[in-house]
């Protein structure tokens, strides 16, 4: 009974929701964008970008052709390349 009521409640909330992205994932995305605001991407040619942090000096490479990146953190939190 609990699960049936929960699913019905969530279905009703979804019907009335006007946004593109649900609130919890949107909140996480906003947090990640704010956190990653100090990163700068530099084009290296042939679809490669070097991304470096302004303050800490951390760096990683993004390959747009292969849709891959050298930073394992982004993949672990579910952010696609």
N, C-alpha and C. Protein backbone atom coordinates (compact mmCIF):
# COMPACT_ATOMS: atom_id res chain seq x y z
N UNK A 1 0.83 -1.20 0.00
CA UNK A 1 0.00 0.00 0.00
C UNK A 1 0.87 1.26 0.00
N UNK A 2 1.92 1.22 0.82
CA UNK A 2 2.80 2.38 0.90
C UNK A 2 3.40 2.70 -0.47
N UNK A 3 3.94 1.67 -1.12
CA UNK A 3 4.57 1.89 -2.43
C UNK A 3 3.58 2.37 -3.47
N UNK A 4 2.40 1.81 -3.47
CA UNK A 4 1.39 2.23 -4.44
C UNK A 4 1.03 3.71 -4.22
N UNK A 5 0.86 4.11 -2.96
CA UNK A 5 0.55 5.50 -2.65
C UNK A 5 1.71 6.42 -3.04
N UNK A 6 2.92 5.96 -2.76
CA UNK A 6 4.11 6.76 -3.10
C UNK A 6 4.22 6.96 -4.61
N UNK A 7 4.05 5.88 -5.38
CA UNK A 7 4.10 5.99 -6.84
C UNK A 7 3.01 6.92 -7.38
N UNK A 8 1.81 6.83 -6.82
CA UNK A 8 0.71 7.69 -7.26
C UNK A 8 1.02 9.15 -6.96
N UNK A 9 1.57 9.42 -5.79
CA UNK A 9 1.93 10.79 -5.41
C UNK A 9 3.01 11.33 -6.34
N UNK A 10 4.02 10.53 -6.61
CA UNK A 10 5.10 10.96 -7.50
C UNK A 10 4.61 11.18 -8.93
N UNK A 11 3.70 10.33 -9.37
CA UNK A 11 3.13 10.48 -10.71
C UNK A 11 2.37 11.81 -10.82
N UNK A 12 1.60 12.15 -9.77
CA UNK A 12 0.86 13.41 -9.76
C UNK A 12 1.81 14.61 -9.75
N UNK A 13 2.89 14.52 -8.99
CA UNK A 13 3.87 15.60 -8.97
C UNK A 13 4.50 15.77 -10.34
N UNK A 14 4.79 14.66 -11.00
CA UNK A 14 5.41 14.72 -12.32
C UNK A 14 4.48 15.34 -13.35
N UNK A 15 3.20 15.02 -13.27
CA UNK A 15 2.24 15.59 -14.21
C UNK A 15 2.18 17.11 -14.09
N UNK A 16 2.30 17.63 -12.87
CA UNK A 16 2.18 19.06 -12.62
C UNK A 16 3.50 19.81 -12.78
N UNK A 17 4.61 19.11 -12.93
CA UNK A 17 5.91 19.76 -13.01
C UNK A 17 6.13 20.32 -14.41
N UNK A 18 6.51 21.57 -14.49
CA UNK A 18 6.66 22.26 -15.77
C UNK A 18 8.10 22.34 -16.26
N UNK A 19 9.06 22.01 -15.42
CA UNK A 19 10.47 22.17 -15.79
C UNK A 19 10.98 21.06 -16.69
N UNK A 20 12.20 21.26 -17.21
CA UNK A 20 12.85 20.28 -18.08
C UNK A 20 13.56 19.21 -17.27
N UNK A 21 14.14 19.62 -16.14
CA UNK A 21 14.92 18.73 -15.29
C UNK A 21 14.29 18.72 -13.91
N UNK A 22 14.21 17.55 -13.31
CA UNK A 22 13.60 17.43 -11.98
C UNK A 22 14.43 18.20 -10.94
N UNK A 23 13.82 18.61 -9.83
CA UNK A 23 14.47 19.50 -8.87
C UNK A 23 15.77 18.96 -8.26
N UNK A 24 15.81 17.71 -7.84
CA UNK A 24 17.03 17.20 -7.20
C UNK A 24 18.21 17.14 -8.16
N UNK A 25 18.05 16.56 -9.37
CA UNK A 25 19.17 16.59 -10.31
C UNK A 25 19.56 18.02 -10.70
N UNK A 26 18.60 18.92 -10.81
CA UNK A 26 18.89 20.30 -11.15
C UNK A 26 19.70 20.98 -10.05
N UNK A 27 19.35 20.70 -8.80
CA UNK A 27 20.10 21.24 -7.67
C UNK A 27 21.54 20.74 -7.70
N UNK A 28 21.73 19.45 -7.99
CA UNK A 28 23.08 18.88 -8.07
C UNK A 28 23.84 19.50 -9.23
N UNK A 29 23.20 19.68 -10.37
CA UNK A 29 23.85 20.27 -11.53
C UNK A 29 24.25 21.72 -11.23
N UNK A 30 23.38 22.48 -10.59
CA UNK A 30 23.71 23.86 -10.22
C UNK A 30 24.91 23.90 -9.28
N UNK A 31 24.95 22.98 -8.33
CA UNK A 31 26.07 22.90 -7.39
C UNK A 31 27.37 22.59 -8.13
N UNK A 32 27.31 21.64 -9.07
CA UNK A 32 28.50 21.27 -9.84
C UNK A 32 28.96 22.44 -10.71
N UNK A 33 28.03 23.16 -11.33
CA UNK A 33 28.39 24.31 -12.16
C UNK A 33 29.06 25.38 -11.31
N UNK A 34 28.52 25.64 -10.13
CA UNK A 34 29.12 26.62 -9.24
C UNK A 34 30.52 26.18 -8.80
N UNK A 35 30.64 24.91 -8.49
CA UNK A 35 31.92 24.36 -8.04
C UNK A 35 32.96 24.40 -9.16
N UNK A 36 32.54 24.12 -10.39
CA UNK A 36 33.46 24.06 -11.51
C UNK A 36 33.59 25.40 -12.22
N UNK A 37 33.10 26.47 -11.61
CA UNK A 37 33.18 27.79 -12.22
C UNK A 37 34.59 28.33 -12.35
N UNK A 38 35.54 27.78 -11.62
CA UNK A 38 36.92 28.24 -11.67
C UNK A 38 37.77 27.43 -12.63
N UNK A 39 37.16 26.67 -13.52
CA UNK A 39 37.88 25.86 -14.50
C UNK A 39 37.88 26.59 -15.84
N UNK A 40 38.97 26.48 -16.57
CA UNK A 40 39.10 27.12 -17.88
C UNK A 40 39.48 26.06 -18.90
N UNK A 41 38.75 26.04 -20.02
CA UNK A 41 39.04 25.09 -21.10
C UNK A 41 39.85 25.78 -22.18
N UNK A 42 40.91 25.12 -22.64
CA UNK A 42 41.76 25.63 -23.70
C UNK A 42 41.80 24.61 -24.83
N UNK A 43 41.50 25.06 -26.04
CA UNK A 43 41.48 24.17 -27.20
C UNK A 43 42.89 23.77 -27.56
N UNK A 44 43.13 22.47 -27.75
CA UNK A 44 44.45 21.96 -28.12
C UNK A 44 44.49 21.50 -29.57
N UNK A 45 43.37 21.56 -30.26
CA UNK A 45 43.30 21.13 -31.65
C UNK A 45 42.79 19.71 -31.76
N UNK A 46 42.20 19.40 -32.91
CA UNK A 46 41.70 18.06 -33.21
C UNK A 46 40.69 17.55 -32.18
N UNK A 47 39.85 18.45 -31.67
CA UNK A 47 38.80 18.04 -30.74
C UNK A 47 39.25 17.83 -29.31
N UNK A 48 40.48 18.19 -28.99
CA UNK A 48 40.99 18.04 -27.62
C UNK A 48 40.96 19.37 -26.90
N UNK A 49 40.62 19.31 -25.62
CA UNK A 49 40.65 20.49 -24.76
C UNK A 49 41.43 20.16 -23.51
N UNK A 50 42.25 21.10 -23.06
CA UNK A 50 42.90 20.98 -21.76
C UNK A 50 42.09 21.83 -20.80
N UNK A 51 41.67 21.26 -19.71
CA UNK A 51 40.87 21.97 -18.72
C UNK A 51 41.72 22.10 -17.47
N UNK A 52 41.87 23.34 -17.01
CA UNK A 52 42.70 23.56 -15.83
C UNK A 52 41.99 24.47 -14.83
N UNK A 53 42.28 24.25 -13.56
CA UNK A 53 41.69 25.02 -12.48
C UNK A 53 42.51 26.28 -12.25
N UNK A 54 41.83 27.41 -12.08
CA UNK A 54 42.53 28.69 -11.93
C UNK A 54 43.37 28.76 -10.66
N UNK A 55 42.92 28.14 -9.58
CA UNK A 55 43.59 28.30 -8.29
C UNK A 55 44.46 27.11 -7.90
N UNK A 56 43.97 25.90 -8.08
CA UNK A 56 44.70 24.73 -7.59
C UNK A 56 45.71 24.19 -8.59
N UNK A 57 45.56 24.52 -9.88
CA UNK A 57 46.48 24.02 -10.88
C UNK A 57 46.17 22.63 -11.39
N UNK A 58 45.07 22.03 -10.93
CA UNK A 58 44.67 20.71 -11.44
C UNK A 58 44.38 20.80 -12.93
N UNK A 59 44.67 19.72 -13.67
CA UNK A 59 44.44 19.71 -15.12
C UNK A 59 43.94 18.35 -15.56
N UNK A 60 43.16 18.33 -16.64
CA UNK A 60 42.81 17.09 -17.31
C UNK A 60 42.47 17.38 -18.75
N UNK A 61 42.40 16.34 -19.54
CA UNK A 61 42.17 16.45 -20.98
C UNK A 61 40.80 15.89 -21.34
N UNK A 62 40.10 16.60 -22.22
CA UNK A 62 38.82 16.13 -22.76
C UNK A 62 39.01 15.90 -24.26
N UNK A 63 38.67 14.71 -24.72
CA UNK A 63 38.73 14.38 -26.15
C UNK A 63 37.30 14.30 -26.67
N UNK A 64 36.88 15.32 -27.41
CA UNK A 64 35.51 15.38 -27.89
C UNK A 64 35.23 14.34 -28.98
N UNK A 65 36.25 13.94 -29.74
CA UNK A 65 36.06 12.93 -30.78
C UNK A 65 35.74 11.57 -30.18
N UNK A 66 36.45 11.21 -29.12
CA UNK A 66 36.22 9.92 -28.45
C UNK A 66 35.18 10.03 -27.34
N UNK A 67 34.76 11.25 -27.04
CA UNK A 67 33.85 11.54 -25.94
C UNK A 67 34.37 10.91 -24.64
N UNK A 68 35.60 11.23 -24.32
CA UNK A 68 36.22 10.71 -23.10
C UNK A 68 37.01 11.83 -22.43
N UNK A 69 37.35 11.62 -21.19
CA UNK A 69 38.13 12.59 -20.43
C UNK A 69 39.01 11.87 -19.45
N UNK A 70 40.08 12.54 -19.06
CA UNK A 70 41.05 11.92 -18.16
C UNK A 70 40.69 12.12 -16.69
N UNK A 71 39.65 12.87 -16.41
CA UNK A 71 39.23 13.10 -15.02
C UNK A 71 38.18 12.07 -14.64
N UNK A 72 38.51 11.19 -13.73
CA UNK A 72 37.57 10.14 -13.33
C UNK A 72 36.45 10.67 -12.45
N UNK A 73 36.65 11.83 -11.82
CA UNK A 73 35.62 12.36 -10.93
C UNK A 73 34.33 12.68 -11.67
N UNK A 74 34.44 13.29 -12.86
CA UNK A 74 33.23 13.66 -13.60
C UNK A 74 32.37 12.44 -13.92
N UNK A 75 33.00 11.36 -14.33
CA UNK A 75 32.24 10.14 -14.63
C UNK A 75 31.64 9.52 -13.39
N UNK A 76 32.34 9.65 -12.26
CA UNK A 76 31.84 9.03 -11.02
C UNK A 76 30.60 9.73 -10.48
N UNK A 77 30.43 11.02 -10.77
CA UNK A 77 29.25 11.72 -10.30
C UNK A 77 28.16 11.76 -11.37
N UNK A 78 28.41 11.11 -12.51
CA UNK A 78 27.37 10.96 -13.52
C UNK A 78 27.27 12.13 -14.50
N UNK A 79 28.31 12.95 -14.61
CA UNK A 79 28.29 14.04 -15.56
C UNK A 79 28.88 13.53 -16.87
N UNK A 80 28.10 13.54 -17.94
CA UNK A 80 28.61 13.03 -19.22
C UNK A 80 29.67 13.95 -19.80
N UNK A 81 30.49 13.41 -20.66
CA UNK A 81 31.55 14.19 -21.29
C UNK A 81 30.94 15.20 -22.24
